[in-house]
Amino acid sequence: MNNEVVLSCENLTKFFKDGQRKIQIFEKLNFSIAAGETAAIMGASGSGKSTLLHLLGGLDTPNAGEIIIQGQKLSSMSGKQRGKLRNQHLGFVYQFHHLLPEFSALENVMMPLLIGHVPKTQAQSKAKEILDQVGLSERITHRPAQLSGGERQRAAIARAMVTKPACILADEPTGNLDENTAAAVMELFIALKEQYNTALILVTHDQKVANQMNNQYLLKQGVLIKSSQT
């Protein structure tokens, strides 16, 4: 199995300015994850977990340090190049599904492929395949409002996985779900990760969810501490 590092950061520094005051989120933070590995990032509210995830995904820019995705440094790229890299190699899942309400489940899942200029018939075929894998083959024509919370989150996972990304970045993906639905969603994450050898970085407050990851990290006072390994 290929276990090369797919995403890493070196000496990552992020702060915000509040007038004359400088609010340090983290300084010289280092992290890496290899293909097929899973990592949970935990920490108190406001500790910077979501900020770190956004930086790792190239959705925000650090004040210093480097983020490397599939061997490519984000600092040397234009915004357009970063967008293309994200589309090719990363998938994102959030606490809220962020499905487009006017489109069906199938159309939502096709979207990353269409953005990546995959022909429509091919995009449709790939989207149907992944929707079948997440148990939504009977719901592909339904819009988000016609799906349950668990179904919406499974559609969001299908959308994140449809490009077969190197790494999934998930921010509280079970936060809005009841315990049983959350457990089913996590089973799905793990199964897809195993099938595609995808790395998974997951921000969570839920220790049960964190326990299913290979590695657990605690983000505390700007320091990322590896807390345990299963």
Protein backbone atom coordinates (compact mmCIF):
# COMPACT_ATOMS: atom_id res chain seq x y z
CA MET A 1 0.00 0.00 0.00
CA ASN A 2 1.24 3.46 -0.90
CA ASN A 3 1.96 5.32 2.33
CA GLU A 4 3.62 8.46 1.02
CA VAL A 5 2.88 11.76 2.76
CA VAL A 6 -0.01 13.42 0.94
CA LEU A 7 -0.40 16.58 3.02
CA SER A 8 1.91 18.34 5.45
CA CYS A 9 2.68 21.71 6.97
CA GLU A 10 6.00 23.08 8.18
CA ASN A 11 6.41 25.84 10.76
CA LEU A 12 2.83 26.98 10.19
CA THR A 13 2.08 30.30 11.84
CA LYS A 14 -1.27 32.08 11.98
CA PHE A 15 -2.30 35.20 13.87
CA PHE A 16 -5.01 37.83 13.62
CA LYS A 17 -4.74 41.54 14.28
CA ASP A 18 -7.35 43.17 16.54
CA GLY A 19 -6.40 46.83 16.36
CA GLN A 20 -2.95 47.00 17.93
CA ARG A 21 -3.40 43.59 19.52
CA LYS A 22 -1.97 40.45 17.90
CA ILE A 23 -3.93 37.24 18.54
CA GLN A 24 -1.66 34.25 17.99
CA ILE A 25 -3.55 31.12 16.91
CA PHE A 26 -0.48 28.92 16.48
CA GLU A 27 3.21 29.34 15.74
CA LYS A 28 5.63 27.02 13.93
CA LEU A 29 3.15 24.14 13.90
CA ASN A 30 4.18 20.95 12.09
CA PHE A 31 1.93 18.13 10.91
CA SER A 32 1.84 15.44 8.22
CA ILE A 33 -0.44 12.64 7.10
CA ALA A 34 0.22 9.76 4.71
CA ALA A 35 -2.08 8.02 2.25
CA GLY A 36 -4.62 5.85 4.06
CA GLU A 37 -3.90 7.37 7.49
CA THR A 38 -6.57 8.95 9.67
CA ALA A 39 -6.14 11.73 12.21
CA ALA A 40 -8.53 13.36 14.67
CA ILE A 41 -7.84 16.90 15.82
CA MET A 42 -9.51 17.84 19.10
CA GLY A 43 -9.41 20.90 21.29
CA ALA A 44 -11.55 23.46 23.09
CA SER A 45 -13.82 25.81 21.15
CA GLY A 46 -11.75 28.68 19.80
CA SER A 47 -8.48 26.71 19.92
CA GLY A 48 -8.02 27.08 16.16
CA LYS A 49 -9.05 23.61 14.92
CA SER A 50 -11.18 24.88 12.03
CA THR A 51 -8.57 27.53 11.20
CA LEU A 52 -5.94 24.80 10.94
CA LEU A 53 -8.20 22.72 8.69
CA HIS A 54 -8.85 25.72 6.41
CA LEU A 55 -5.11 26.40 6.16
CA LEU A 56 -4.29 22.76 5.37
CA GLY A 57 -6.94 22.82 2.65
CA GLY A 58 -5.62 26.02 1.09
CA LEU A 59 -8.84 27.88 1.95
CA ASP A 60 -6.90 30.37 4.10
CA THR A 61 -3.33 31.68 3.96
CA PRO A 62 -0.82 31.38 6.83
CA ASN A 63 1.24 34.33 8.06
CA ALA A 64 4.33 32.13 7.81
CA GLY A 65 5.25 28.53 7.12
CA GLU A 66 4.46 26.17 4.29
CA ILE A 67 1.64 23.82 3.32
CA ILE A 68 2.51 21.00 0.93
CA ILE A 69 -0.17 18.97 -0.87
CA GLN A 70 0.95 16.01 -2.97
CA GLY A 71 4.49 17.41 -3.02
CA GLN A 72 3.39 20.86 -4.20
CA LYS A 73 3.95 23.99 -2.09
CA LEU A 74 0.88 26.23 -1.87
CA SER A 75 2.97 29.37 -1.34
CA SER A 76 4.34 29.15 -4.87
CA MET A 77 0.88 28.95 -6.45
CA SER A 78 -1.64 31.47 -7.69
CA GLY A 79 -5.20 31.39 -6.36
CA LYS A 80 -6.33 29.64 -9.53
CA GLN A 81 -3.62 26.98 -9.22
CA ARG A 82 -4.54 26.38 -5.56
CA GLY A 83 -8.18 25.97 -6.56
CA LYS A 84 -7.26 23.41 -9.19
CA LEU A 85 -5.07 21.51 -6.70
CA ARG A 86 -7.91 21.47 -4.15
CA ASN A 87 -10.34 20.17 -6.76
CA GLN A 88 -7.97 17.38 -7.83
CA HIS A 89 -6.55 16.19 -4.52
CA LEU A 90 -8.78 17.28 -1.60
CA GLY A 91 -12.33 16.63 -0.48
CA PHE A 92 -14.17 18.69 2.14
CA VAL A 93 -17.00 17.66 4.49
CA TYR A 94 -18.48 20.06 7.05
CA GLN A 95 -20.91 19.89 9.97
CA PHE A 96 -23.51 21.42 7.67
CA HIS A 97 -23.75 19.56 4.36
CA HIS A 98 -23.51 22.66 2.07
CA LEU A 99 -25.38 20.88 -0.71
CA LEU A 100 -26.87 23.27 -3.25
CA PRO A 101 -30.64 23.25 -2.56
CA GLU A 102 -31.79 23.71 -6.17
CA PHE A 103 -29.87 20.66 -7.42
CA SER A 104 -30.52 16.93 -6.97
CA ALA A 105 -28.18 14.65 -5.02
CA LEU A 106 -26.77 13.44 -8.34
CA GLU A 107 -26.15 16.97 -9.63
CA ASN A 108 -24.53 18.01 -6.34
CA VAL A 109 -22.14 15.05 -6.44
CA MET A 110 -21.31 15.67 -10.11
CA MET A 111 -20.29 19.27 -9.36
CA PRO A 112 -16.59 18.76 -8.44
CA LEU A 113 -16.09 16.66 -11.59
CA LEU A 114 -17.77 19.25 -13.82
CA ILE A 115 -15.63 21.99 -12.24
CA GLY A 116 -12.61 19.80 -13.10
CA HIS A 117 -13.83 19.69 -16.74
CA VAL A 118 -14.79 16.00 -16.70
CA PRO A 119 -17.30 15.36 -19.53
CA LYS A 120 -20.91 15.40 -18.30
CA THR A 121 -21.73 11.75 -19.15
CA GLN A 122 -18.57 10.55 -17.39
CA ALA A 123 -19.27 12.80 -14.38
CA GLN A 124 -22.80 11.43 -14.16
CA SER A 125 -21.56 7.83 -14.28
CA LYS A 126 -18.95 8.42 -11.53
CA ALA A 127 -21.46 10.30 -9.36
CA LYS A 128 -24.00 7.48 -9.67
CA GLU A 129 -21.32 4.94 -8.71
CA ILE A 130 -20.30 6.76 -5.53
CA LEU A 131 -23.93 7.51 -4.57
CA ASP A 132 -24.61 3.79 -4.85
CA GLN A 133 -21.64 3.11 -2.55
CA VAL A 134 -23.02 5.46 0.11
CA GLY A 135 -26.47 3.84 -0.12
CA LEU A 136 -28.28 6.61 -2.00
CA SER A 137 -28.90 4.94 -5.36
CA GLU A 138 -32.67 5.29 -4.82
CA ARG A 139 -32.40 8.97 -3.86
CA ILE A 140 -30.29 10.45 -6.65
CA THR A 141 -33.08 12.63 -8.08
CA HIS A 142 -34.03 14.03 -4.66
CA ARG A 143 -33.04 17.55 -3.68
CA PRO A 144 -31.42 18.15 -0.26
CA ALA A 145 -34.72 19.26 1.34
CA GLN A 146 -36.18 15.84 0.46
CA LEU A 147 -33.35 13.94 2.17
CA SER A 148 -32.91 13.13 5.86
CA GLY A 149 -30.00 14.61 7.82
CA GLY A 150 -28.02 11.40 7.51
CA GLU A 151 -28.76 11.14 3.79
CA ARG A 152 -27.63 14.72 3.23
CA GLN A 153 -24.37 14.05 5.02
CA ARG A 154 -23.83 10.85 3.01
CA ALA A 155 -24.42 12.87 -0.18
CA ALA A 156 -21.86 15.41 1.07
CA ILE A 157 -19.36 12.58 1.64
CA ALA A 158 -20.07 11.23 -1.85
CA ARG A 159 -19.39 14.69 -3.28
CA ALA A 160 -16.10 14.88 -1.35
CA MET A 161 -15.04 11.39 -2.49
CA VAL A 162 -16.15 11.51 -6.14
CA THR A 163 -12.79 12.83 -7.40
CA LYS A 164 -10.98 10.07 -5.41
CA PRO A 165 -8.96 12.69 -3.53
CA ALA A 166 -5.68 12.07 -1.75
CA CYS A 167 -7.07 13.56 1.48
CA ILE A 168 -10.47 14.37 3.01
CA LEU A 169 -10.71 17.30 5.43
CA ALA A 170 -13.78 16.95 7.66
CA ASP A 171 -14.91 19.61 10.15
CA GLU A 172 -17.29 18.16 12.78
CA PRO A 173 -18.95 15.93 10.13
CA THR A 174 -21.17 14.19 12.71
CA GLY A 175 -21.89 17.29 14.81
CA ASN A 176 -25.50 17.69 13.61
CA LEU A 177 -26.39 14.00 13.65
CA ASP A 178 -27.91 11.72 16.29
CA GLU A 179 -25.70 9.00 17.74
CA ASN A 180 -26.87 6.15 15.47
CA THR A 181 -26.68 8.25 12.29
CA ALA A 182 -23.26 9.57 13.33
CA ALA A 183 -22.02 6.00 13.82
CA ALA A 184 -23.29 5.02 10.35
CA VAL A 185 -21.61 8.06 8.77
CA MET A 186 -18.30 7.21 10.45
CA GLU A 187 -18.53 3.59 9.23
CA LEU A 188 -18.98 4.98 5.72
CA PHE A 189 -15.96 7.29 6.08
CA ILE A 190 -13.76 4.41 7.20
CA ALA A 191 -15.00 2.06 4.45
CA LEU A 192 -14.38 4.63 1.70
CA LYS A 193 -11.00 5.52 3.19
CA GLU A 194 -10.02 1.83 3.11
CA GLN A 195 -11.25 1.37 -0.45
CA TYR A 196 -9.50 4.40 -1.94
CA ASN A 197 -6.49 4.63 0.45
CA THR A 198 -7.56 8.20 1.17
CA ALA A 199 -6.08 10.12 4.10
CA LEU A 200 -8.67 11.60 6.50
CA ILE A 201 -8.17 14.59 8.80
CA LEU A 202 -11.18 15.07 11.04
CA VAL A 203 -11.91 17.86 13.52
CA THR A 204 -14.27 16.67 16.24
CA HIS A 205 -15.45 17.25 19.82
CA ASP A 206 -16.63 13.65 20.03
CA GLN A 207 -14.17 11.26 21.69
CA LYS A 208 -16.00 8.23 20.22
CA VAL A 209 -15.37 9.61 16.73
CA ALA A 210 -11.74 10.45 17.56
CA ASN A 211 -11.17 6.91 18.86
CA GLN A 212 -11.84 5.54 15.37
CA MET A 213 -8.87 7.44 13.91
CA ASN A 214 -5.30 6.04 13.72
CA ASN A 215 -3.91 9.13 15.43
CA GLN A 216 -5.36 11.69 17.81
CA TYR A 217 -4.07 15.21 18.27
CA LEU A 218 -4.96 17.91 20.79
CA LEU A 219 -4.66 21.54 19.71
CA LYS A 220 -4.03 23.51 22.90
CA GLN A 221 -2.63 27.03 23.26
CA GLY A 222 -1.28 26.94 19.72
CA VAL A 223 0.51 23.61 20.09
CA LEU A 224 -0.55 20.41 18.31
CA ILE A 225 0.09 17.51 20.68
CA LYS A 226 -0.12 13.90 19.51
CA SER A 227 -2.22 12.43 22.30
CA SER A 228 -2.61 8.78 21.35
CA GLN A 229 -2.36 6.19 18.62
CA THR A 230 -4.57 3.15 18.07
